Amino acid sequence: MKAFPTTADNGHAENQDGMDLRDYFAAKAIPALIQGGIHHSVWDLSRDAYKIADAMMEIRNDKV
């Protein structure tokens, strides 16, 4: 699923190019994680951002 699909006049997604929704959620989580200041490496920070994104995707899809 894409974060910013282009829609046609009929309201259906027309263009599926662009950022994945999971990547968008991870990118949005990073500022809060940086502000928390508990990460010792960018690898740990990135891993936690994607854990948050995965949780958001699960909640969004009602899988939890």
N, C-alpha and C. Protein backbone atom coordinates (compact mmCIF):
# COMPACT_ATOMS: atom_id res chain seq x y z
N MET A 1 0.85 -1.17 0.00
CA MET A 1 0.00 0.00 0.00
C MET A 1 0.89 1.23 0.00
N LYS A 2 0.49 2.21 -0.74
CA LYS A 2 1.28 3.44 -0.86
C LYS A 2 0.70 4.54 0.01
N ALA A 3 1.56 5.44 0.45
CA ALA A 3 1.14 6.55 1.31
C ALA A 3 0.42 7.62 0.53
N PHE A 4 0.79 7.84 -0.71
CA PHE A 4 0.22 8.94 -1.49
C PHE A 4 -0.19 8.49 -2.89
N PRO A 5 -1.14 7.55 -3.00
CA PRO A 5 -1.55 7.14 -4.35
C PRO A 5 -2.31 8.26 -5.04
N THR A 6 -2.20 8.30 -6.34
CA THR A 6 -2.94 9.27 -7.13
C THR A 6 -4.30 8.65 -7.45
N THR A 7 -5.36 9.41 -7.31
CA THR A 7 -6.68 8.87 -7.61
C THR A 7 -7.22 9.43 -8.91
N ALA A 8 -7.97 8.61 -9.60
CA ALA A 8 -8.64 9.02 -10.84
C ALA A 8 -9.94 9.73 -10.46
N ASP A 9 -10.63 10.24 -11.45
CA ASP A 9 -11.90 10.93 -11.20
C ASP A 9 -12.94 10.03 -10.56
N ASN A 10 -12.83 8.72 -10.76
CA ASN A 10 -13.80 7.80 -10.18
C ASN A 10 -13.49 7.45 -8.72
N GLY A 11 -12.42 8.02 -8.17
CA GLY A 11 -12.06 7.81 -6.77
C GLY A 11 -11.20 6.60 -6.50
N HIS A 12 -10.89 5.81 -7.51
CA HIS A 12 -10.04 4.63 -7.33
C HIS A 12 -8.58 5.00 -7.54
N ALA A 13 -7.70 4.30 -6.82
CA ALA A 13 -6.27 4.56 -6.96
C ALA A 13 -5.83 4.27 -8.39
N GLU A 14 -5.15 5.23 -8.96
CA GLU A 14 -4.73 5.11 -10.35
C GLU A 14 -3.23 4.83 -10.45
N ASN A 15 -2.44 5.51 -9.66
CA ASN A 15 -1.00 5.42 -9.72
C ASN A 15 -0.48 4.92 -8.38
N GLN A 16 0.16 3.78 -8.37
CA GLN A 16 0.64 3.20 -7.13
C GLN A 16 2.13 3.47 -6.89
N ASP A 17 2.70 4.43 -7.61
CA ASP A 17 4.10 4.79 -7.38
C ASP A 17 4.18 5.65 -6.12
N GLY A 18 5.33 5.64 -5.49
CA GLY A 18 5.52 6.50 -4.34
C GLY A 18 5.94 5.73 -3.11
N MET A 19 5.92 6.41 -1.99
CA MET A 19 6.38 5.87 -0.72
C MET A 19 5.39 4.84 -0.16
N ASP A 20 5.93 3.73 0.32
CA ASP A 20 5.08 2.75 0.99
C ASP A 20 4.55 3.34 2.29
N LEU A 21 3.34 2.95 2.65
CA LEU A 21 2.73 3.45 3.87
C LEU A 21 3.56 3.07 5.10
N ARG A 22 4.12 1.88 5.09
CA ARG A 22 4.97 1.44 6.21
C ARG A 22 6.18 2.36 6.37
N ASP A 23 6.81 2.72 5.25
CA ASP A 23 7.95 3.63 5.29
C ASP A 23 7.53 5.01 5.79
N TYR A 24 6.36 5.46 5.38
CA TYR A 24 5.85 6.75 5.82
C TYR A 24 5.64 6.75 7.34
N PHE A 25 5.02 5.70 7.86
CA PHE A 25 4.81 5.60 9.30
C PHE A 25 6.15 5.58 10.05
N ALA A 26 7.12 4.84 9.54
CA ALA A 26 8.44 4.77 10.18
C ALA A 26 9.11 6.14 10.20
N ALA A 27 9.02 6.84 9.08
CA ALA A 27 9.62 8.18 9.00
C ALA A 27 8.96 9.14 9.99
N LYS A 28 7.67 9.02 10.17
CA LYS A 28 6.97 9.89 11.12
C LYS A 28 7.33 9.56 12.56
N ALA A 29 7.71 8.33 12.84
CA ALA A 29 8.07 7.92 14.21
C ALA A 29 9.46 8.39 14.61
N ILE A 30 10.34 8.60 13.65
CA ILE A 30 11.74 8.91 13.94
C ILE A 30 11.93 10.17 14.80
N PRO A 31 11.26 11.30 14.52
CA PRO A 31 11.49 12.48 15.36
C PRO A 31 11.21 12.23 16.85
N ALA A 32 10.14 11.52 17.14
CA ALA A 32 9.83 11.23 18.54
C ALA A 32 10.88 10.32 19.16
N LEU A 33 11.37 9.36 18.39
CA LEU A 33 12.41 8.46 18.90
C LEU A 33 13.71 9.22 19.15
N ILE A 34 14.05 10.13 18.25
CA ILE A 34 15.27 10.94 18.44
C ILE A 34 15.13 11.81 19.68
N GLN A 35 13.97 12.41 19.84
CA GLN A 35 13.75 13.27 21.01
C GLN A 35 13.86 12.50 22.31
N GLY A 36 13.46 11.23 22.27
CA GLY A 36 13.57 10.39 23.47
C GLY A 36 15.00 10.15 23.88
N GLY A 37 15.92 10.17 22.91
CA GLY A 37 17.35 10.11 23.18
C GLY A 37 17.87 8.83 23.80
N ILE A 38 17.19 7.70 23.64
CA ILE A 38 17.66 6.47 24.29
C ILE A 38 18.39 5.52 23.33
N HIS A 39 18.51 5.91 22.07
CA HIS A 39 19.13 5.02 21.09
C HIS A 39 20.63 5.26 21.00
N HIS A 40 21.37 4.17 20.92
CA HIS A 40 22.82 4.25 20.87
C HIS A 40 23.37 4.21 19.46
N SER A 41 22.51 3.86 18.50
CA SER A 41 22.96 3.83 17.10
C SER A 41 21.78 4.12 16.18
N VAL A 42 22.10 4.51 14.96
CA VAL A 42 21.04 4.74 13.98
C VAL A 42 20.35 3.43 13.62
N TRP A 43 21.06 2.32 13.77
CA TRP A 43 20.47 1.01 13.47
C TRP A 43 19.37 0.70 14.47
N ASP A 44 19.63 0.96 15.75
CA ASP A 44 18.61 0.74 16.78
C ASP A 44 17.43 1.68 16.58
N LEU A 45 17.71 2.92 16.26
CA LEU A 45 16.67 3.91 16.01
C LEU A 45 15.79 3.47 14.84
N SER A 46 16.40 3.07 13.75
CA SER A 46 15.66 2.63 12.57
C SER A 46 14.84 1.38 12.85
N ARG A 47 15.42 0.45 13.56
CA ARG A 47 14.71 -0.79 13.91
C ARG A 47 13.46 -0.47 14.72
N ASP A 48 13.58 0.42 15.69
CA ASP A 48 12.43 0.79 16.51
C ASP A 48 11.38 1.56 15.71
N ALA A 49 11.82 2.38 14.77
CA ALA A 49 10.88 3.11 13.93
C ALA A 49 10.03 2.13 13.12
N TYR A 50 10.66 1.09 12.59
CA TYR A 50 9.90 0.10 11.82
C TYR A 50 9.04 -0.79 12.71
N LYS A 51 9.45 -1.01 13.94
CA LYS A 51 8.57 -1.74 14.88
C LYS A 51 7.29 -0.94 15.12
N ILE A 52 7.44 0.36 15.28
CA ILE A 52 6.27 1.22 15.46
C ILE A 52 5.42 1.20 14.20
N ALA A 53 6.05 1.31 13.05
CA ALA A 53 5.32 1.29 11.78
C ALA A 53 4.57 -0.03 11.60
N ASP A 54 5.21 -1.14 11.94
CA ASP A 54 4.55 -2.44 11.81
C ASP A 54 3.33 -2.53 12.72
N ALA A 55 3.46 -2.02 13.93
CA ALA A 55 2.32 -2.01 14.86
C ALA A 55 1.19 -1.15 14.31
N MET A 56 1.54 -0.01 13.74
CA MET A 56 0.52 0.86 13.16
C MET A 56 -0.18 0.18 11.99
N MET A 57 0.57 -0.54 11.17
CA MET A 57 -0.04 -1.25 10.05
C MET A 57 -0.98 -2.35 10.54
N GLU A 58 -0.58 -3.06 11.59
CA GLU A 58 -1.45 -4.11 12.14
C GLU A 58 -2.74 -3.52 12.69
N ILE A 59 -2.62 -2.47 13.46
CA ILE A 59 -3.80 -1.82 14.02
C ILE A 59 -4.69 -1.32 12.89
N ARG A 60 -4.08 -0.71 11.90
CA ARG A 60 -4.83 -0.17 10.76
C ARG A 60 -5.62 -1.26 10.06
N ASN A 61 -5.06 -2.43 9.96
CA ASN A 61 -5.71 -3.55 9.27
C ASN A 61 -6.52 -4.43 10.22
N ASP A 62 -6.68 -3.99 11.47
CA ASP A 62 -7.46 -4.73 12.47
C ASP A 62 -6.98 -6.17 12.66
N LYS A 63 -5.67 -6.36 12.68
CA LYS A 63 -5.11 -7.69 12.87
C LYS A 63 -4.76 -7.96 14.33
N VAL A 64 -4.90 -6.96 15.17
CA VAL A 64 -4.53 -7.16 16.58
C VAL A 64 -5.79 -7.37 17.39
